[in-house]
Amino acid sequence: MVESLYMKTLVTHINPHLDDIAAIWLFKKYHPDFKDAKIEFISASRDAAQKEENEDKIFLGTGGGKFDEHKEDLDNTCAGTLVYEYLKKKNYIPKDEILRAALDTLTEWNRLIDTGRAPDSQFDEFSVQAFIRCKDSTAENSQKSVDLGIVILDRILSVLKRKQQSVIDWEKKVEFQTKLGKSFAVVSETVDREFCREQEGDLFLIYHPKHHGVQFFTPSFEIDLEPIYDKVKALDPDASWFLHQSHHMVICGSASAPDSKPTKLSFDELIEAAKAI
């Protein structure tokens, strides 16, 4: 039985789509027996799984097996969705709310792309599937596509998990008014500018509790944050304050500048500084 663990195989078609790669990624990431499974590529088939599929050899997105969506009654799903639902049913997906929500979002995004229901921008030359698929009918380049896809999907999942945590953190935000308009302040390790752009506000203060990093940000092209920079610089001149050349960000400490000197100003003092300009 132990020996069979090293014989696990996941099969998909040559030149796999993003969806097929997502199915492989989910199987290897969450099915305990397929973590080290090898990948085999075949010419697209409607019946190969019926002849060869077993507990050690699983067909994904081809072969006519249970994870092949190319059937008349499965026109609104895809291999990735079929695998995800199977893994949930088998209780292989950890019961972590943030992870589950992130995987739900990723799996639905993948389904919309594979079924042609995603926005047009998801199909242009800058989309994930555009550069993940080399359109080369060799096993070697198909494996490279899978390897690249796994790295990308891991990073997408990380981003989505961060966003789910940001939603939770945002519930504890502080709303206040400044001369710049509607303003928000939040303590969070995950809230970032991209998340703030989705909120309705003119000024955002993000305070990172781990390394006391600070970022004032405005999404408006009409607002200049130099007055805030001047204010915090006067209050704490020894800190490594930085006014971005766009004048849309005032930063002190970040992952890009780990050697910067953090501010001594507290979260509440930073809010008061913004109110005082």
Protein backbone atom coordinates (compact mmCIF):
# COMPACT_ATOMS: atom_id res chain seq x y z
CA MET A 1 0.00 0.00 0.00
CA VAL A 2 2.81 2.40 0.87
CA GLU A 3 4.51 1.64 -2.43
CA SER A 4 1.39 2.68 -4.38
CA LEU A 5 1.63 6.21 -2.98
CA TYR A 6 4.65 6.74 -5.22
CA MET A 7 2.77 5.49 -8.28
CA LYS A 8 -0.02 8.08 -8.23
CA THR A 9 -0.58 9.71 -11.61
CA LEU A 10 -2.69 12.64 -12.75
CA VAL A 11 -3.51 12.64 -16.45
CA THR A 12 -4.56 15.57 -18.61
CA HIS A 13 -4.29 16.50 -22.26
CA ILE A 14 -1.23 17.87 -24.03
CA ASN A 15 -1.04 21.69 -23.94
CA PRO A 16 -3.34 21.95 -20.88
CA HIS A 17 -5.71 24.84 -20.28
CA LEU A 18 -5.66 26.91 -17.09
CA ASP A 19 -8.62 24.85 -15.85
CA ASP A 20 -6.77 21.55 -16.24
CA ILE A 21 -3.79 23.01 -14.42
CA ALA A 22 -6.10 24.24 -11.64
CA ALA A 23 -7.50 20.72 -11.29
CA ILE A 24 -3.97 19.31 -11.00
CA TRP A 25 -3.03 22.02 -8.51
CA LEU A 26 -6.04 21.28 -6.30
CA PHE A 27 -5.42 17.54 -6.36
CA LYS A 28 -1.72 17.83 -5.52
CA LYS A 29 -2.28 20.51 -2.89
CA TYR A 30 -5.18 18.97 -0.99
CA HIS A 31 -5.49 15.25 -1.74
CA PRO A 32 -3.15 13.55 0.76
CA ASP A 33 -2.33 10.66 -1.60
CA PHE A 34 -1.55 12.79 -4.66
CA LYS A 35 0.89 15.33 -3.20
CA ASP A 36 3.80 13.82 -5.13
CA ALA A 37 1.82 12.48 -8.07
CA LYS A 38 3.48 12.54 -11.48
CA ILE A 39 1.75 14.26 -14.38
CA GLU A 40 1.07 12.43 -17.62
CA PHE A 41 -0.02 14.13 -20.84
CA ILE A 42 -2.09 12.44 -23.55
CA SER A 43 -3.85 13.48 -26.74
CA ALA A 44 -7.31 14.78 -25.81
CA SER A 45 -9.64 11.80 -25.42
CA ARG A 46 -13.29 11.06 -24.65
CA ASP A 47 -12.84 7.50 -23.44
CA ALA A 48 -9.30 6.90 -22.15
CA ALA A 49 -10.43 7.16 -18.53
CA GLN A 50 -13.01 4.43 -19.03
CA LYS A 51 -10.21 2.01 -19.92
CA GLU A 52 -7.38 3.16 -17.64
CA GLU A 53 -8.67 5.21 -14.69
CA ASN A 54 -8.30 3.68 -11.21
CA GLU A 55 -7.53 4.84 -7.65
CA ASP A 56 -3.90 5.48 -8.59
CA LYS A 57 -4.46 7.08 -11.99
CA ILE A 58 -6.90 9.98 -12.26
CA PHE A 59 -7.88 11.78 -15.48
CA LEU A 60 -8.53 15.53 -15.32
CA GLY A 61 -10.28 17.50 -18.06
CA THR A 62 -10.01 14.67 -20.55
CA GLY A 63 -10.66 10.96 -20.95
CA GLY A 64 -14.38 10.99 -20.19
CA GLY A 65 -13.94 10.29 -16.47
CA LYS A 66 -15.69 11.92 -13.52
CA PHE A 67 -13.37 14.96 -13.68
CA ASP A 68 -13.89 15.56 -17.39
CA GLU A 69 -16.43 18.33 -18.03
CA HIS A 70 -16.74 17.65 -21.75
CA LYS A 71 -20.17 16.05 -21.46
CA GLU A 72 -23.58 17.36 -22.52
CA ASP A 73 -24.88 17.74 -18.95
CA LEU A 74 -21.77 19.55 -17.68
CA ASP A 75 -21.67 22.62 -19.93
CA ASN A 76 -21.63 25.08 -16.99
CA THR A 77 -18.82 23.56 -14.99
CA CYS A 78 -15.17 22.62 -15.47
CA ALA A 79 -12.54 20.16 -14.27
CA GLY A 80 -11.34 22.51 -11.52
CA THR A 81 -14.86 22.87 -10.09
CA LEU A 82 -15.49 19.12 -10.26
CA VAL A 83 -12.24 18.44 -8.40
CA TYR A 84 -12.91 21.13 -5.80
CA GLU A 85 -16.40 19.80 -5.02
CA TYR A 86 -14.99 16.27 -4.76
CA LEU A 87 -12.22 17.35 -2.38
CA LYS A 88 -14.72 19.21 -0.18
CA LYS A 89 -17.02 16.20 -0.09
CA LYS A 90 -14.10 13.99 0.99
CA ASN A 91 -13.18 16.57 3.70
CA TYR A 92 -9.72 17.10 2.23
CA ILE A 93 -10.08 20.89 2.14
CA PRO A 94 -9.18 22.37 5.56
CA LYS A 95 -12.18 23.86 7.36
CA ASP A 96 -10.68 27.31 7.62
CA GLU A 97 -13.16 30.08 6.75
CA ILE A 98 -10.62 32.39 5.15
CA LEU A 99 -9.10 29.58 3.06
CA ARG A 100 -12.51 28.25 2.00
CA ALA A 101 -13.72 31.71 0.95
CA ALA A 102 -10.51 32.29 -1.03
CA LEU A 103 -10.78 28.89 -2.75
CA ASP A 104 -14.45 29.51 -3.53
CA THR A 105 -13.49 32.76 -5.26
CA LEU A 106 -10.57 31.23 -7.14
CA THR A 107 -12.58 28.21 -8.28
CA GLU A 108 -15.45 30.38 -9.50
CA TRP A 109 -13.02 32.65 -11.38
CA ASN A 110 -11.53 29.59 -13.03
CA ARG A 111 -15.00 28.27 -13.96
CA LEU A 112 -16.03 31.57 -15.56
CA ILE A 113 -12.87 31.61 -17.65
CA ASP A 114 -13.18 28.01 -18.76
CA THR A 115 -16.84 28.36 -19.71
CA GLY A 116 -16.29 31.68 -21.53
CA ARG A 117 -18.39 33.66 -19.06
CA ALA A 118 -15.62 35.86 -17.64
CA PRO A 119 -15.16 39.52 -18.67
CA ASP A 120 -13.40 40.05 -22.00
CA SER A 121 -10.29 41.36 -20.21
CA GLN A 122 -9.73 37.86 -18.83
CA PHE A 123 -9.05 36.59 -22.33
CA ASP A 124 -6.61 39.21 -23.64
CA GLU A 125 -2.86 38.89 -24.16
CA PHE A 126 -2.15 39.98 -20.58
CA SER A 127 -4.39 37.38 -18.94
CA VAL A 128 -3.16 34.44 -16.89
CA GLN A 129 -4.32 31.82 -19.36
CA ALA A 130 -2.76 33.67 -22.29
CA PHE A 131 0.79 33.19 -21.05
CA ILE A 132 0.24 29.99 -19.09
CA ARG A 133 -0.55 28.05 -22.27
CA CYS A 134 2.33 27.73 -24.72
CA LYS A 135 0.25 25.98 -27.42
CA ASP A 136 3.08 23.54 -28.02
CA SER A 137 2.16 19.86 -28.39
CA THR A 138 5.04 18.42 -26.39
CA ALA A 139 4.95 16.81 -22.95
CA GLU A 140 8.01 18.80 -21.90
CA ASN A 141 6.42 22.20 -22.53
CA SER A 142 3.10 21.01 -21.15
CA GLN A 143 4.89 20.19 -17.89
CA LYS A 144 6.45 23.65 -17.88
CA SER A 145 2.96 25.14 -18.24
CA VAL A 146 1.76 23.09 -15.27
CA ASP A 147 4.76 24.12 -13.16
CA LEU A 148 4.22 27.80 -13.96
CA GLY A 149 0.48 27.49 -13.37
CA ILE A 150 0.99 25.95 -9.94
CA VAL A 151 3.22 28.84 -8.88
CA ILE A 152 0.70 31.40 -10.17
CA LEU A 153 -2.29 29.69 -8.53
CA ASP A 154 -0.44 29.49 -5.22
CA ARG A 155 0.16 33.23 -5.38
CA ILE A 156 -3.42 33.99 -6.40
CA LEU A 157 -4.65 31.95 -3.45
CA SER A 158 -2.34 33.89 -1.13
CA VAL A 159 -3.70 37.19 -2.47
CA LEU A 160 -7.30 36.03 -2.05
CA LYS A 161 -6.65 34.86 1.52
CA ARG A 162 -5.17 38.26 2.31
CA LYS A 163 -8.24 39.93 0.88
CA GLN A 164 -10.55 37.80 3.00
CA GLN A 165 -8.56 38.81 6.10
CA SER A 166 -8.73 42.44 4.95
CA VAL A 167 -12.53 42.24 4.87
CA ILE A 168 -12.49 41.07 8.49
CA ASP A 169 -10.01 43.76 9.55
CA TRP A 170 -11.99 46.45 7.74
CA GLU A 171 -14.94 45.85 10.05
CA LYS A 172 -12.88 47.51 12.83
CA LYS A 173 -11.98 50.60 10.79
CA VAL A 174 -12.16 54.10 12.24
CA GLU A 175 -14.04 56.64 10.14
CA PHE A 176 -13.26 60.34 10.56
CA GLN A 177 -13.39 63.59 8.62
CA THR A 178 -10.47 65.69 7.37
CA LYS A 179 -10.06 68.64 5.02
CA LEU A 180 -9.35 66.05 2.34
CA GLY A 181 -12.77 64.44 2.73
CA LYS A 182 -14.10 61.12 3.98
CA SER A 183 -11.26 59.37 5.78
CA PHE A 184 -10.65 55.91 7.20
CA ALA A 185 -7.97 54.41 9.43
CA VAL A 186 -7.42 50.70 10.01
CA VAL A 187 -4.98 48.46 11.86
CA SER A 188 -4.18 45.52 9.62
CA GLU A 189 -1.38 43.35 8.23
CA THR A 190 -3.30 42.73 5.01
CA VAL A 191 -5.27 45.84 3.99
CA ASP A 192 -3.43 47.47 1.08
CA ARG A 193 -3.96 50.20 -1.49
CA GLU A 194 -5.76 47.85 -3.88
CA PHE A 195 -8.27 46.99 -1.17
CA CYS A 196 -8.72 50.67 -0.29
CA ARG A 197 -9.45 51.56 -3.92
CA GLU A 198 -12.54 49.37 -3.66
CA GLN A 199 -13.86 51.36 -0.69
CA GLU A 200 -15.55 54.76 -0.87
CA GLY A 201 -13.12 57.17 0.71
CA ASP A 202 -10.77 60.08 0.02
CA LEU A 203 -8.02 59.33 2.54
CA PHE A 204 -6.87 56.03 4.03
CA LEU A 205 -4.48 55.43 6.92
CA ILE A 206 -3.15 51.86 7.15
CA TYR A 207 -1.22 50.95 10.30
CA HIS A 208 0.70 47.65 10.28
CA PRO A 209 0.73 46.34 13.88
CA LYS A 210 3.68 43.97 13.45
CA HIS A 211 6.41 46.39 12.35
CA HIS A 212 4.50 49.66 13.01
CA GLY A 213 4.52 50.53 9.33
CA VAL A 214 2.37 53.49 8.32
CA GLN A 215 0.83 54.44 5.03
CA PHE A 216 -1.41 57.38 4.19
CA PHE A 217 -3.01 56.88 0.79
CA THR A 218 -5.48 58.65 -1.46
CA PRO A 219 -6.94 57.15 -4.65
CA SER A 220 -7.89 60.62 -5.88
CA PHE A 221 -5.80 62.37 -8.52
CA GLU A 222 -7.09 65.66 -7.13
CA ILE A 223 -5.62 65.28 -3.62
CA ASP A 224 -2.07 66.15 -2.60
CA LEU A 225 -0.79 64.49 0.60
CA GLU A 226 2.21 66.80 1.07
CA PRO A 227 0.47 68.60 3.98
CA ILE A 228 0.21 65.28 5.83
CA TYR A 229 3.87 64.57 5.11
CA ASP A 230 4.87 67.96 6.50
CA LYS A 231 2.73 67.38 9.60
CA VAL A 232 4.02 63.92 10.54
CA LYS A 233 7.59 64.93 9.67
CA ALA A 234 7.29 67.80 12.15
CA LEU A 235 5.79 65.58 14.85
CA ASP A 236 8.37 62.79 14.43
CA PRO A 237 11.37 64.06 12.45
CA ASP A 238 13.58 61.03 13.16
CA ALA A 239 11.24 58.53 11.51
CA SER A 240 11.82 57.48 7.89
CA TRP A 241 8.93 59.37 6.34
CA PHE A 242 8.70 59.22 2.55
CA LEU A 243 6.48 61.30 0.29
CA HIS A 244 5.90 59.37 -2.92
CA GLN A 245 6.57 61.35 -6.10
CA SER A 246 2.88 61.07 -7.01
CA HIS A 247 2.01 62.86 -3.72
CA HIS A 248 -0.69 60.18 -3.26
CA MET A 249 1.23 58.25 -0.58
CA VAL A 250 3.05 59.07 2.63
CA ILE A 251 4.93 56.03 3.90
CA CYS A 252 7.02 55.13 6.92
CA GLY A 253 8.27 51.57 6.89
CA SER A 254 7.27 48.85 4.41
CA ALA A 255 8.25 45.41 3.17
CA SER A 256 10.32 47.17 0.51
CA ALA A 257 12.27 49.15 3.11
CA PRO A 258 12.88 46.85 6.11
CA ASP A 259 15.75 49.03 7.38
CA SER A 260 13.64 52.17 7.70
CA LYS A 261 13.13 53.73 11.13
CA PRO A 262 9.52 53.34 12.34
CA THR A 263 7.52 56.24 13.71
CA LYS A 264 6.95 56.75 17.42
CA LEU A 265 3.47 58.09 16.72
CA SER A 266 0.61 55.87 17.82
CA PHE A 267 -2.37 54.92 15.69
CA ASP A 268 -4.54 57.54 17.43
CA GLU A 269 -1.84 60.20 17.08
CA LEU A 270 -1.61 59.51 13.35
CA ILE A 271 -5.35 60.02 13.01
CA GLU A 272 -5.13 63.30 14.90
CA ALA A 273 -2.24 64.38 12.64
CA ALA A 274 -4.43 63.88 9.57
CA LYS A 275 -7.28 65.81 11.21
CA ALA A 276 -4.97 68.71 12.04
CA ILE A 277 -3.80 69.60 8.52
